[in-house]
């Protein structure tokens, strides 16, 4: 009877062990815990009936609710599902149970190792692009990837395996180190561009107001200033430019005629002519300013003679007559000093 009980108990244990191994093979080996099909089935099974009422975690979607603050967006959290229940073989100790979840201190050590390696400052190892502000995941093996790239890699491979170290059954955690570095670099570039704009604006203002020390550059500076003044003067003129210049010429000619009439000598006395003649002799110029030939051939008063004007200038009579006939003014003026005169032969 005792032997029969022992055989029955042994058979029972054997049956339980066989069932445990069969359950473990069907749940673990044929369908690995990290396979994509199991994750997809679980996501379909846990999908809420009303998508609008579902809670969206920060970083899981492309859009973020407007009510979420910066602290919630920068929060780090583990994105893995809850661990699967242990199989019968694992509870009986026939198969090793999976490793426990990483604690907060262990995740801190993993992140410190990732920071020392500088993975967040490097491009993603899968797509070879910068992280920028895209969702970033940290694996328990201290490697960093884009979340979308890692999900595509897992769907392509059909199992969870690190693309770099090939570690299986890893845990993933959302981090924001690359986004922080990207914001810092962007702020630095914006500040540099703004400071450069201020410096260039200040330099342009200095160039407009302060003349340079170099002689050629200084001359060019004042030429530009004169050109600006001329341009502003032309813009201020409302009438036609040709009409404006013609009015200026007409005003000048009228003023010249008035001054010539005021300065015309009414009559010179012999004493006045003697002083004019003495002034001409002291000047010592005996060439006609028109034909540039001597007025007197050998000395004062010799030769064909000349004409003395009231302004003490000497000319040939024929040269002065030709000049008066050539001019259009009613009142003749001296070819040298442009003043009205009286003439006297000498």
C-alpha atoms as a PDB file:
ATOM      1  CA  UNK A   1       0.000   0.000   0.000  1.00  0.00           C
ATOM      2  CA  UNK A   2       2.818   2.355   0.854  1.00  0.00           C
ATOM      3  CA  UNK A   3       4.626   1.455  -2.367  1.00  0.00           C
ATOM      4  CA  UNK A   4       1.478   2.161  -4.327  1.00  0.00           C
ATOM      5  CA  UNK A   5       1.129   5.599  -2.694  1.00  0.00           C
ATOM      6  CA  UNK A   6       4.724   6.359  -3.508  1.00  0.00           C
ATOM      7  CA  UNK A   7       4.215   5.400  -7.150  1.00  0.00           C
ATOM      8  CA  UNK A   8       1.047   7.478  -7.302  1.00  0.00           C
ATOM      9  CA  UNK A   9       2.802  10.519  -5.793  1.00  0.00           C
ATOM     10  CA  UNK A  10       5.724  10.092  -8.147  1.00  0.00           C
ATOM     11  CA  UNK A  11       3.414   9.853 -11.119  1.00  0.00           C
ATOM     12  CA  UNK A  12       1.576  12.937  -9.927  1.00  0.00           C
ATOM     13  CA  UNK A  13       4.805  14.936  -9.619  1.00  0.00           C
ATOM     14  CA  UNK A  14       5.869  13.759 -13.043  1.00  0.00           C
ATOM     15  CA  UNK A  15       2.546  14.854 -14.522  1.00  0.00           C
ATOM     16  CA  UNK A  16       2.800  18.279 -12.825  1.00  0.00           C
ATOM     17  CA  UNK A  17       6.371  18.693 -14.052  1.00  0.00           C
ATOM     18  CA  UNK A  18       5.359  17.733 -17.586  1.00  0.00           C
ATOM     19  CA  UNK A  19       2.444  20.165 -17.557  1.00  0.00           C
ATOM     20  CA  UNK A  20       4.679  22.900 -16.146  1.00  0.00           C
ATOM     21  CA  UNK A  21       7.292  22.375 -18.854  1.00  0.00           C
ATOM     22  CA  UNK A  22       4.614  22.260 -21.548  1.00  0.00           C
ATOM     23  CA  UNK A  23       3.045  25.472 -20.272  1.00  0.00           C
ATOM     24  CA  UNK A  24       6.460  27.157 -20.119  1.00  0.00           C
ATOM     25  CA  UNK A  25       7.300  26.048 -23.674  1.00  0.00           C
ATOM     26  CA  UNK A  26       3.980  27.256 -25.034  1.00  0.00           C
ATOM     27  CA  UNK A  27       4.177  30.627 -23.250  1.00  0.00           C
ATOM     28  CA  UNK A  28       7.899  31.397 -23.338  1.00  0.00           C
ATOM     29  CA  UNK A  29       9.698  29.514 -26.073  1.00  0.00           C
ATOM     30  CA  UNK A  30       7.101  29.429 -28.826  1.00  0.00           C
ATOM     31  CA  UNK A  31       5.974  33.010 -28.065  1.00  0.00           C
ATOM     32  CA  UNK A  32       8.879  34.966 -26.492  1.00  0.00           C
ATOM     33  CA  UNK A  33       7.906  37.644 -24.022  1.00  0.00           C
ATOM     34  CA  UNK A  34       9.559  40.355 -26.131  1.00  0.00           C
ATOM     35  CA  UNK A  35       8.116  39.307 -29.485  1.00  0.00           C
ATOM     36  CA  UNK A  36       6.253  41.802 -31.586  1.00  0.00           C
ATOM     37  CA  UNK A  37       3.177  39.618 -32.091  1.00  0.00           C
ATOM     38  CA  UNK A  38       2.612  39.307 -28.358  1.00  0.00           C
ATOM     39  CA  UNK A  39       3.079  43.051 -27.835  1.00  0.00           C
ATOM     40  CA  UNK A  40       0.645  43.820 -30.664  1.00  0.00           C
ATOM     41  CA  UNK A  41      -1.925  41.389 -29.324  1.00  0.00           C
ATOM     42  CA  UNK A  42      -1.604  42.854 -25.857  1.00  0.00           C
ATOM     43  CA  UNK A  43      -1.987  46.386 -27.211  1.00  0.00           C
ATOM     44  CA  UNK A  44      -5.143  45.333 -29.073  1.00  0.00           C
ATOM     45  CA  UNK A  45      -6.466  43.635 -25.969  1.00  0.00           C
ATOM     46  CA  UNK A  46      -5.812  46.695 -23.793  1.00  0.00           C
ATOM     47  CA  UNK A  47      -7.081  49.224 -26.372  1.00  0.00           C
ATOM     48  CA  UNK A  48      -9.814  51.417 -24.838  1.00  0.00           C
ATOM     49  CA  UNK A  49     -13.266  51.531 -26.354  1.00  0.00           C
ATOM     50  CA  UNK A  50     -13.286  55.337 -26.673  1.00  0.00           C
ATOM     51  CA  UNK A  51      -9.960  56.726 -27.964  1.00  0.00           C
ATOM     52  CA  UNK A  52     -10.853  60.299 -27.044  1.00  0.00           C
ATOM     53  CA  UNK A  53     -11.022  59.416 -23.347  1.00  0.00           C
ATOM     54  CA  UNK A  54      -7.732  57.516 -23.265  1.00  0.00           C
ATOM     55  CA  UNK A  55      -4.821  58.995 -21.360  1.00  0.00           C
ATOM     56  CA  UNK A  56      -1.801  59.751 -23.554  1.00  0.00           C
ATOM     57  CA  UNK A  57       1.611  59.656 -21.932  1.00  0.00           C
ATOM     58  CA  UNK A  58       4.099  62.408 -22.738  1.00  0.00           C
ATOM     59  CA  UNK A  59       6.301  61.360 -25.641  1.00  0.00           C
ATOM     60  CA  UNK A  60       4.023  58.551 -26.938  1.00  0.00           C
ATOM     61  CA  UNK A  61       2.361  60.699 -29.619  1.00  0.00           C
ATOM     62  CA  UNK A  62       3.372  63.466 -31.967  1.00  0.00           C
ATOM     63  CA  UNK A  63       0.875  65.897 -30.429  1.00  0.00           C
ATOM     64  CA  UNK A  64       0.829  67.075 -26.850  1.00  0.00           C
ATOM     65  CA  UNK A  65      -2.165  68.337 -24.998  1.00  0.00           C
ATOM     66  CA  UNK A  66      -2.083  72.084 -24.414  1.00  0.00           C
ATOM     67  CA  UNK A  67      -2.754  71.641 -20.701  1.00  0.00           C
ATOM     68  CA  UNK A  68       0.440  69.724 -20.061  1.00  0.00           C
ATOM     69  CA  UNK A  69       3.217  71.748 -18.463  1.00  0.00           C
ATOM     70  CA  UNK A  70       6.938  71.755 -19.037  1.00  0.00           C
ATOM     71  CA  UNK A  71       7.548  69.647 -15.945  1.00  0.00           C
ATOM     72  CA  UNK A  72       5.281  66.891 -17.256  1.00  0.00           C
ATOM     73  CA  UNK A  73       6.941  67.015 -20.687  1.00  0.00           C
ATOM     74  CA  UNK A  74      10.405  66.679 -19.148  1.00  0.00           C
ATOM     75  CA  UNK A  75       9.414  63.849 -16.823  1.00  0.00           C
ATOM     76  CA  UNK A  76      11.318  60.564 -17.228  1.00  0.00           C
ATOM     77  CA  UNK A  77       9.460  57.287 -16.947  1.00  0.00           C
ATOM     78  CA  UNK A  78       9.697  53.610 -17.943  1.00  0.00           C
ATOM     79  CA  UNK A  79       7.617  52.687 -20.985  1.00  0.00           C
ATOM     80  CA  UNK A  80       7.759  48.883 -20.644  1.00  0.00           C
ATOM     81  CA  UNK A  81       4.595  46.975 -19.822  1.00  0.00           C
ATOM     82  CA  UNK A  82       4.094  45.250 -16.511  1.00  0.00           C
ATOM     83  CA  UNK A  83       6.093  42.005 -16.218  1.00  0.00           C
ATOM     84  CA  UNK A  84       4.248  38.874 -17.318  1.00  0.00           C
ATOM     85  CA  UNK A  85       3.067  36.396 -14.735  1.00  0.00           C
ATOM     86  CA  UNK A  86       5.440  33.620 -13.893  1.00  0.00           C
ATOM     87  CA  UNK A  87       4.818  30.301 -15.504  1.00  0.00           C
ATOM     88  CA  UNK A  88       4.212  27.165 -13.469  1.00  0.00           C
ATOM     89  CA  UNK A  89       7.724  25.939 -14.176  1.00  0.00           C
ATOM     90  CA  UNK A  90       9.178  29.231 -12.957  1.00  0.00           C
ATOM     91  CA  UNK A  91       7.066  29.143  -9.776  1.00  0.00           C
ATOM     92  CA  UNK A  92       8.170  25.568  -9.095  1.00  0.00           C
ATOM     93  CA  UNK A  93      11.813  26.518  -9.600  1.00  0.00           C
ATOM     94  CA  UNK A  94      12.210  24.293 -12.643  1.00  0.00           C
ATOM     95  CA  UNK A  95      13.127  27.279 -14.883  1.00  0.00           C
ATOM     96  CA  UNK A  96      14.962  30.440 -13.841  1.00  0.00           C
ATOM     97  CA  UNK A  97      12.646  33.368 -13.302  1.00  0.00           C
ATOM     98  CA  UNK A  98      13.253  36.599 -15.305  1.00  0.00           C
ATOM     99  CA  UNK A  99      15.295  39.352 -13.753  1.00  0.00           C
ATOM    100  CA  UNK A 100      13.570  41.896 -11.592  1.00  0.00           C
ATOM    101  CA  UNK A 101      12.805  45.422 -12.772  1.00  0.00           C
ATOM    102  CA  UNK A 102      15.520  48.050 -12.344  1.00  0.00           C
ATOM    103  CA  UNK A 103      15.145  50.297  -9.351  1.00  0.00           C
ATOM    104  CA  UNK A 104      15.536  54.079  -9.330  1.00  0.00           C
ATOM    105  CA  UNK A 105      19.157  53.914  -8.177  1.00  0.00           C
ATOM    106  CA  UNK A 106      19.993  51.369 -10.871  1.00  0.00           C
ATOM    107  CA  UNK A 107      18.439  53.598 -13.528  1.00  0.00           C
ATOM    108  CA  UNK A 108      20.520  56.492 -12.191  1.00  0.00           C
ATOM    109  CA  UNK A 109      23.684  54.430 -12.603  1.00  0.00           C
ATOM    110  CA  UNK A 110      22.666  53.475 -16.164  1.00  0.00           C
ATOM    111  CA  UNK A 111      22.009  57.121 -17.058  1.00  0.00           C
ATOM    112  CA  UNK A 112      25.324  58.218 -15.534  1.00  0.00           C
ATOM    113  CA  UNK A 113      27.131  55.669 -17.707  1.00  0.00           C
ATOM    114  CA  UNK A 114      25.222  56.972 -20.765  1.00  0.00           C
ATOM    115  CA  UNK A 115      26.200  60.575 -19.964  1.00  0.00           C
ATOM    116  CA  UNK A 116      29.871  59.594 -19.633  1.00  0.00           C
ATOM    117  CA  UNK A 117      29.726  57.905 -23.034  1.00  0.00           C
ATOM    118  CA  UNK A 118      28.135  61.019 -24.605  1.00  0.00           C
ATOM    119  CA  UNK A 119      25.441  59.086 -26.478  1.00  0.00           C
ATOM    120  CA  UNK A 120      22.865  61.891 -26.227  1.00  0.00           C
ATOM    121  CA  UNK A 121      25.236  64.322 -27.958  1.00  0.00           C
ATOM    122  CA  UNK A 122      25.865  61.819 -30.805  1.00  0.00           C
ATOM    123  CA  UNK A 123      23.461  60.888 -33.616  1.00  0.00           C
ATOM    124  CA  UNK A 124      21.077  57.968 -33.287  1.00  0.00           C
ATOM    125  CA  UNK A 125      22.867  54.679 -34.035  1.00  0.00           C
ATOM    126  CA  UNK A 126      19.964  53.446 -36.200  1.00  0.00           C
ATOM    127  CA  UNK A 127      19.059  56.400 -38.447  1.00  0.00           C
ATOM    128  CA  UNK A 128      22.317  58.397 -37.960  1.00  0.00           C
ATOM    129  CA  UNK A 129      20.383  61.633 -37.429  1.00  0.00           C
ATOM    130  CA  UNK A 130      20.446  64.075 -34.535  1.00  0.00           C
ATOM    131  CA  UNK A 131      17.922  63.576 -31.742  1.00  0.00           C
ATOM    132  CA  UNK A 132      16.789  67.228 -31.644  1.00  0.00           C
ATOM    133  CA  UNK A 133      13.370  67.322 -29.912  1.00  0.00           C
ATOM    134  CA  UNK A 134      12.183  63.863 -30.974  1.00  0.00           C
ATOM    135  CA  UNK A 135      11.319  61.259 -28.319  1.00  0.00           C
ATOM    136  CA  UNK A 136      14.435  59.544 -26.979  1.00  0.00           C
ATOM    137  CA  UNK A 137      14.669  56.208 -25.136  1.00  0.00           C
ATOM    138  CA  UNK A 138      17.390  54.869 -22.862  1.00  0.00           C
ATOM    139  CA  UNK A 139      17.841  51.107 -22.672  1.00  0.00           C
ATOM    140  CA  UNK A 140      18.927  49.253 -19.565  1.00  0.00           C
ATOM    141  CA  UNK A 141      22.215  48.553 -21.373  1.00  0.00           C
ATOM    142  CA  UNK A 142      22.896  52.345 -21.394  1.00  0.00           C
ATOM    143  CA  UNK A 143      22.380  52.789 -25.162  1.00  0.00           C
ATOM    144  CA  UNK A 144      20.193  55.597 -26.546  1.00  0.00           C
ATOM    145  CA  UNK A 145      17.987  55.614 -29.675  1.00  0.00           C
ATOM    146  CA  UNK A 146      15.035  57.383 -31.206  1.00  0.00           C
ATOM    147  CA  UNK A 147      11.868  55.838 -29.892  1.00  0.00           C
ATOM    148  CA  UNK A 148      10.409  55.524 -33.403  1.00  0.00           C
ATOM    149  CA  UNK A 149      13.663  53.995 -34.695  1.00  0.00           C
ATOM    150  CA  UNK A 150      13.729  51.402 -31.890  1.00  0.00           C
ATOM    151  CA  UNK A 151      10.100  50.440 -32.476  1.00  0.00           C
ATOM    152  CA  UNK A 152      10.754  50.024 -36.214  1.00  0.00           C
ATOM    153  CA  UNK A 153      13.843  47.918 -35.441  1.00  0.00           C
ATOM    154  CA  UNK A 154      11.857  45.670 -33.098  1.00  0.00           C
ATOM    155  CA  UNK A 155       9.110  45.180 -35.694  1.00  0.00           C
ATOM    156  CA  UNK A 156      11.714  44.334 -38.331  1.00  0.00           C
ATOM    157  CA  UNK A 157      13.610  41.834 -36.124  1.00  0.00           C
ATOM    158  CA  UNK A 158      10.520  40.352 -34.489  1.00  0.00           C
ATOM    159  CA  UNK A 159      12.096  40.353 -31.016  1.00  0.00           C
ATOM    160  CA  UNK A 160      13.553  42.722 -28.460  1.00  0.00           C
ATOM    161  CA  UNK A 161      17.298  42.961 -28.970  1.00  0.00           C
ATOM    162  CA  UNK A 162      19.593  45.953 -28.538  1.00  0.00           C
ATOM    163  CA  UNK A 163      20.904  47.061 -31.960  1.00  0.00           C
ATOM    164  CA  UNK A 164      24.413  47.625 -30.529  1.00  0.00           C
ATOM    165  CA  UNK A 165      25.183  45.098 -27.788  1.00  0.00           C
ATOM    166  CA  UNK A 166      22.495  42.497 -28.768  1.00  0.00           C
ATOM    167  CA  UNK A 167      21.209  42.296 -25.194  1.00  0.00           C
ATOM    168  CA  UNK A 168      17.742  40.780 -24.976  1.00  0.00           C
ATOM    169  CA  UNK A 169      14.912  41.530 -22.586  1.00  0.00           C
ATOM    170  CA  UNK A 170      16.001  45.088 -21.947  1.00  0.00           C
ATOM    171  CA  UNK A 171      13.997  47.829 -20.325  1.00  0.00           C
ATOM    172  CA  UNK A 172      13.348  51.205 -21.928  1.00  0.00           C
ATOM    173  CA  UNK A 173      13.027  54.598 -20.263  1.00  0.00           C
ATOM    174  CA  UNK A 174      12.042  57.957 -21.754  1.00  0.00           C
ATOM    175  CA  UNK A 175      14.741  60.635 -21.234  1.00  0.00           C
ATOM    176  CA  UNK A 176      15.148  64.230 -22.456  1.00  0.00           C
ATOM    177  CA  UNK A 177      18.916  64.784 -22.368  1.00  0.00           C
ATOM    178  CA  UNK A 178      19.226  65.281 -26.140  1.00  0.00           C
ATOM    179  CA  UNK A 179      16.305  67.737 -26.163  1.00  0.00           C
ATOM    180  CA  UNK A 180      17.961  69.733 -23.371  1.00  0.00           C
ATOM    181  CA  UNK A 181      21.255  69.853 -25.299  1.00  0.00           C
ATOM    182  CA  UNK A 182      19.420  70.865 -28.484  1.00  0.00           C
ATOM    183  CA  UNK A 183      17.611  73.714 -26.697  1.00  0.00           C
ATOM    184  CA  UNK A 184      20.906  74.874 -25.200  1.00  0.00           C
ATOM    185  CA  UNK A 185      22.648  74.885 -28.602  1.00  0.00           C
ATOM    186  CA  UNK A 186      19.683  76.662 -30.202  1.00  0.00           C
ATOM    187  CA  UNK A 187      19.668  79.336 -27.497  1.00  0.00           C
ATOM    188  CA  UNK A 188      23.430  79.829 -27.958  1.00  0.00           C
ATOM    189  CA  UNK A 189      23.038  80.254 -31.719  1.00  0.00           C
ATOM    190  CA  UNK A 190      20.137  82.683 -31.300  1.00  0.00           C
ATOM    191  CA  UNK A 191      22.134  84.765 -28.821  1.00  0.00           C
ATOM    192  CA  UNK A 192      25.168  84.746 -31.138  1.00  0.00           C
ATOM    193  CA  UNK A 193      23.051  85.879 -34.113  1.00  0.00           C
ATOM    194  CA  UNK A 194      21.442  88.642 -32.050  1.00  0.00           C
ATOM    195  CA  UNK A 195      24.784  89.887 -30.744  1.00  0.00           C
ATOM    196  CA  UNK A 196      26.169  89.835 -34.285  1.00  0.00           C
ATOM    197  CA  UNK A 197      23.183  91.843 -35.538  1.00  0.00           C
ATOM    198  CA  UNK A 198      23.678  94.459 -32.804  1.00  0.00           C
ATOM    199  CA  UNK A 199      27.412  94.685 -33.553  1.00  0.00           C
ATOM    200  CA  UNK A 200      26.817  95.103 -37.287  1.00  0.00           C
ATOM    201  CA  UNK A 201      24.139  97.759 -36.713  1.00  0.00           C
ATOM    202  CA  UNK A 202      26.463  99.665 -34.379  1.00  0.00           C
ATOM    203  CA  UNK A 203      29.310  99.439 -36.908  1.00  0.00           C
ATOM    204  CA  UNK A 204      27.104 100.748 -39.737  1.00  0.00           C
ATOM    205  CA  UNK A 205      26.047 103.667 -37.551  1.00  0.00           C
ATOM    206  CA  UNK A 206      29.695 104.439 -36.716  1.00  0.00           C
ATOM    207  CA  UNK A 207      30.637 104.341 -40.399  1.00  0.00           C
ATOM    208  CA  UNK A 208      27.863 106.840 -41.193  1.00  0.00           C
ATOM    209  CA  UNK A 209      28.884 109.345 -38.516  1.00  0.00           C
ATOM    210  CA  UNK A 210      32.672 108.962 -38.015  1.00  0.00           C
ATOM    211  CA  UNK A 211      35.072 109.659 -40.917  1.00  0.00           C
ATOM    212  CA  UNK A 212      37.926 107.144 -41.312  1.00  0.00           C
ATOM    213  CA  UNK A 213      41.570 108.056 -40.772  1.00  0.00           C
ATOM    214  CA  UNK A 214      42.865 106.752 -44.085  1.00  0.00           C
ATOM    215  CA  UNK A 215      43.192 109.523 -46.666  1.00  0.00           C
ATOM    216  CA  UNK A 216      41.498 107.662 -49.519  1.00  0.00           C
ATOM    217  CA  UNK A 217      38.710 106.325 -47.349  1.00  0.00           C
ATOM    218  CA  UNK A 218      38.202 109.762 -45.830  1.00  0.00           C
ATOM    219  CA  UNK A 219      37.854 111.308 -49.274  1.00  0.00           C
ATOM    220  CA  UNK A 220      35.362 108.618 -50.294  1.00  0.00           C
ATOM    221  CA  UNK A 221      33.423 109.233 -47.053  1.00  0.00           C
ATOM    222  CA  UNK A 222      32.999 112.941 -47.747  1.00  0.00           C
ATOM    223  CA  UNK A 223      32.128 112.265 -51.394  1.00  0.00           C
ATOM    224  CA  UNK A 224      29.302 110.002 -50.255  1.00  0.00           C
ATOM    225  CA  UNK A 225      28.128 112.660 -47.797  1.00  0.00           C
ATOM    226  CA  UNK A 226      28.108 115.290 -50.552  1.00  0.00           C
ATOM    227  CA  UNK A 227      26.210 112.939 -52.830  1.00  0.00           C
ATOM    228  CA  UNK A 228      23.615 112.382 -50.102  1.00  0.00           C
ATOM    229  CA  UNK A 229      23.200 116.135 -49.665  1.00  0.00           C
ATOM    230  CA  UNK A 230      22.746 116.629 -53.410  1.00  0.00           C
ATOM    231  CA  UNK A 231      20.216 113.819 -53.542  1.00  0.00           C
ATOM    232  CA  UNK A 232      18.249 115.246 -50.626  1.00  0.00           C
ATOM    233  CA  UNK A 233      18.302 118.718 -52.258  1.00  0.00           C
ATOM    234  CA  UNK A 234      16.921 117.323 -55.509  1.00  0.00           C
ATOM    235  CA  UNK A 235      14.214 115.448 -53.630  1.00  0.00           C
ATOM    236  CA  UNK A 236      13.166 118.638 -51.835  1.00  0.00           C
ATOM    237  CA  UNK A 237      12.724 120.508 -55.133  1.00  0.00           C
ATOM    238  CA  UNK A 238       9.086 120.220 -56.174  1.00  0.00           C
ATOM    239  CA  UNK A 239       9.518 121.843 -59.638  1.00  0.00           C
ATOM    240  CA  UNK A 240      11.354 120.534 -62.681  1.00  0.00           C
ATOM    241  CA  UNK A 241      15.149 120.406 -62.347  1.00  0.00           C
ATOM    242  CA  UNK A 242      15.724 122.165 -65.676  1.00  0.00           C
ATOM    243  CA  UNK A 243      13.301 124.908 -64.769  1.00  0.00           C
ATOM    244  CA  UNK A 244      14.899 125.233 -61.342  1.00  0.00           C
ATOM    245  CA  UNK A 245      18.394 125.652 -62.827  1.00  0.00           C
ATOM    246  CA  UNK A 246      17.097 128.062 -65.484  1.00  0.00           C
ATOM    247  CA  UNK A 247      15.580 130.238 -62.745  1.00  0.00           C
ATOM    248  CA  UNK A 248      18.910 130.285 -60.912  1.00  0.00           C
ATOM    249  CA  UNK A 249      20.749 131.394 -64.090  1.00  0.00           C
ATOM    250  CA  UNK A 250      18.205 134.117 -64.722  1.00  0.00           C
ATOM    251  CA  UNK A 251      18.530 135.406 -61.153  1.00  0.00           C
ATOM    252  CA  UNK A 252      22.311 135.468 -61.449  1.00  0.00           C
ATOM    253  CA  UNK A 253      22.232 137.380 -64.733  1.00  0.00           C
ATOM    254  CA  UNK A 254      19.811 139.939 -63.279  1.00  0.00           C
ATOM    255  CA  UNK A 255      21.985 140.413 -60.220  1.00  0.00           C
ATOM    256  CA  UNK A 256      25.092 140.828 -62.406  1.00  0.00           C
ATOM    257  CA  UNK A 257      23.425 143.577 -64.460  1.00  0.00           C
ATOM    258  CA  UNK A 258      22.361 145.432 -61.325  1.00  0.00           C
ATOM    259  CA  UNK A 259      25.842 145.320 -59.831  1.00  0.00           C
ATOM    260  CA  UNK A 260      27.409 146.428 -63.151  1.00  0.00           C
ATOM    261  CA  UNK A 261      25.118 149.447 -63.314  1.00  0.00           C
ATOM    262  CA  UNK A 262      25.923 150.350 -59.725  1.00  0.00           C
ATOM    263  CA  UNK A 263      29.668 149.962 -60.275  1.00  0.00           C
ATOM    264  CA  UNK A 264      29.850 151.792 -63.632  1.00  0.00           C
ATOM    265  CA  UNK A 265      32.076 154.869 -63.325  1.00  0.00           C
ATOM    266  CA  UNK A 266      30.187 158.076 -64.193  1.00  0.00           C
ATOM    267  CA  UNK A 267      33.329 159.907 -65.328  1.00  0.00           C
ATOM    268  CA  UNK A 268      37.031 160.065 -64.535  1.00  0.00           C
ATOM    269  CA  UNK A 269      39.002 163.198 -64.007  1.00  0.00           C
ATOM    270  CA  UNK A 270      42.549 163.591 -65.351  1.00  0.00           C
ATOM    271  CA  UNK A 271      43.870 163.000 -61.853  1.00  0.00           C
ATOM    272  CA  UNK A 272      41.958 159.695 -61.749  1.00  0.00           C
ATOM    273  CA  UNK A 273      43.449 158.637 -65.085  1.00  0.00           C
ATOM    274  CA  UNK A 274      46.912 159.518 -63.831  1.00  0.00           C
ATOM    275  CA  UNK A 275      46.440 157.245 -60.785  1.00  0.00           C
ATOM    276  CA  UNK A 276      45.119 154.433 -63.022  1.00  0.00           C
ATOM    277  CA  UNK A 277      48.124 154.849 -65.329  1.00  0.00           C
ATOM    278  CA  UNK A 278      50.503 154.754 -62.355  1.00  0.00           C
ATOM    279  CA  UNK A 279      48.875 151.547 -61.117  1.00  0.00           C
ATOM    280  CA  UNK A 280      49.302 149.944 -64.546  1.00  0.00           C
ATOM    281  CA  UNK A 281      52.990 150.975 -64.642  1.00  0.00           C
ATOM    282  CA  UNK A 282      53.616 149.544 -61.181  1.00  0.00           C
ATOM    283  CA  UNK A 283      52.059 146.240 -62.212  1.00  0.00           C
ATOM    284  CA  UNK A 284      54.593 145.941 -65.013  1.00  0.00           C
ATOM    285  CA  UNK A 285      52.473 143.799 -67.339  1.00  0.00           C
ATOM    286  CA  UNK A 286      52.864 144.964 -70.982  1.00  0.00           C
ATOM    287  CA  UNK A 287      51.292 141.990 -72.780  1.00  0.00           C
ATOM    288  CA  UNK A 288      47.753 142.069 -74.106  1.00  0.00           C
ATOM    289  CA  UNK A 289      45.724 139.465 -72.123  1.00  0.00           C
ATOM    290  CA  UNK A 290      43.709 138.633 -75.247  1.00  0.00           C
ATOM    291  CA  UNK A 291      46.353 138.008 -77.953  1.00  0.00           C
ATOM    292  CA  UNK A 292      49.271 137.512 -75.490  1.00  0.00           C
ATOM    293  CA  UNK A 293      51.553 139.834 -77.530  1.00  0.00           C
ATOM    294  CA  UNK A 294      53.298 142.994 -76.227  1.00  0.00           C
ATOM    295  CA  UNK A 295      51.172 146.111 -76.310  1.00  0.00           C
ATOM    296  CA  UNK A 296      54.275 148.295 -76.871  1.00  0.00           C
ATOM    297  CA  UNK A 297      57.035 147.063 -79.179  1.00  0.00           C
ATOM    298  CA  UNK A 298      60.108 148.611 -77.458  1.00  0.00           C
ATOM    299  CA  UNK A 299      58.891 150.411 -74.352  1.00  0.00           C
ATOM    300  CA  UNK A 300      56.124 152.369 -72.735  1.00  0.00           C
ATOM    301  CA  UNK A 301      54.176 154.471 -75.253  1.00  0.00           C
ATOM    302  CA  UNK A 302      56.015 153.091 -78.363  1.00  0.00           C
ATOM    303  CA  UNK A 303      54.590 150.969 -81.172  1.00  0.00           C
ATOM    304  CA  UNK A 304      51.005 151.015 -82.378  1.00  0.00           C
ATOM    305  CA  UNK A 305      49.740 151.972 -78.923  1.00  0.00           C
ATOM    306  CA  UNK A 306      47.207 150.470 -76.607  1.00  0.00           C
ATOM    307  CA  UNK A 307      44.027 151.081 -74.651  1.00  0.00           C
ATOM    308  CA  UNK A 308      43.997 151.676 -70.898  1.00  0.00           C
ATOM    309  CA  UNK A 309      40.845 150.743 -69.023  1.00  0.00           C
ATOM    310  CA  UNK A 310      39.621 152.357 -65.848  1.00  0.00           C
ATOM    311  CA  UNK A 311      40.445 149.094 -64.023  1.00  0.00           C
ATOM    312  CA  UNK A 312      44.177 149.663 -64.941  1.00  0.00           C
ATOM    313  CA  UNK A 313      44.361 146.814 -67.523  1.00  0.00           C
ATOM    314  CA  UNK A 314      46.042 147.289 -70.945  1.00  0.00           C
ATOM    315  CA  UNK A 315      44.816 145.820 -74.257  1.00  0.00           C
ATOM    316  CA  UNK A 316      45.279 146.251 -77.986  1.00  0.00           C
ATOM    317  CA  UNK A 317      42.467 148.433 -79.390  1.00  0.00           C
ATOM    318  CA  UNK A 318      41.641 145.855 -82.086  1.00  0.00           C
ATOM    319  CA  UNK A 319      41.579 143.003 -79.528  1.00  0.00           C
ATOM    320  CA  UNK A 320      39.292 144.927 -77.184  1.00  0.00           C
ATOM    321  CA  UNK A 321      36.972 145.939 -80.064  1.00  0.00           C
ATOM    322  CA  UNK A 322      36.723 142.315 -81.178  1.00  0.00           C
ATOM    323  CA  UNK A 323      35.985 141.221 -77.609  1.00  0.00           C
ATOM    324  CA  UNK A 324      33.231 143.849 -77.230  1.00  0.00           C
ATOM    325  CA  UNK A 325      31.652 142.837 -80.548  1.00  0.00           C
ATOM    326  CA  UNK A 326      31.807 139.169 -79.558  1.00  0.00           C
ATOM    327  CA  UNK A 327      30.083 139.742 -76.199  1.00  0.00           C
ATOM    328  CA  UNK A 328      26.294 139.950 -75.968  1.00  0.00           C
ATOM    329  CA  UNK A 329      26.062 142.196 -72.893  1.00  0.00           C
ATOM    330  CA  UNK A 330      24.937 145.769 -73.472  1.00  0.00           C
ATOM    331  CA  UNK A 331      27.426 147.010 -70.912  1.00  0.00           C
ATOM    332  CA  UNK A 332      30.908 145.679 -71.737  1.00  0.00           C
ATOM    333  CA  UNK A 333      33.022 144.255 -68.933  1.00  0.00           C
ATOM    334  CA  UNK A 334      36.769 143.818 -68.572  1.00  0.00           C
ATOM    335  CA  UNK A 335      38.015 140.449 -69.904  1.00  0.00           C
ATOM    336  CA  UNK A 336      40.118 140.011 -66.731  1.00  0.00           C
ATOM    337  CA  UNK A 337      38.230 141.414 -63.742  1.00  0.00           C
ATOM    338  CA  UNK A 338      34.704 141.433 -65.300  1.00  0.00           C
ATOM    339  CA  UNK A 339      34.011 144.993 -64.136  1.00  0.00           C
ATOM    340  CA  UNK A 340      32.504 147.798 -66.232  1.00  0.00           C
ATOM    341  CA  UNK A 341      35.099 150.229 -67.534  1.00  0.00           C
ATOM    342  CA  UNK A 342      35.953 153.413 -69.329  1.00  0.00           C
ATOM    343  CA  UNK A 343      38.638 153.251 -71.976  1.00  0.00           C
ATOM    344  CA  UNK A 344      41.437 155.712 -72.959  1.00  0.00           C
ATOM    345  CA  UNK A 345      44.090 155.362 -75.619  1.00  0.00           C
ATOM    346  CA  UNK A 346      47.705 155.541 -74.466  1.00  0.00           C
END
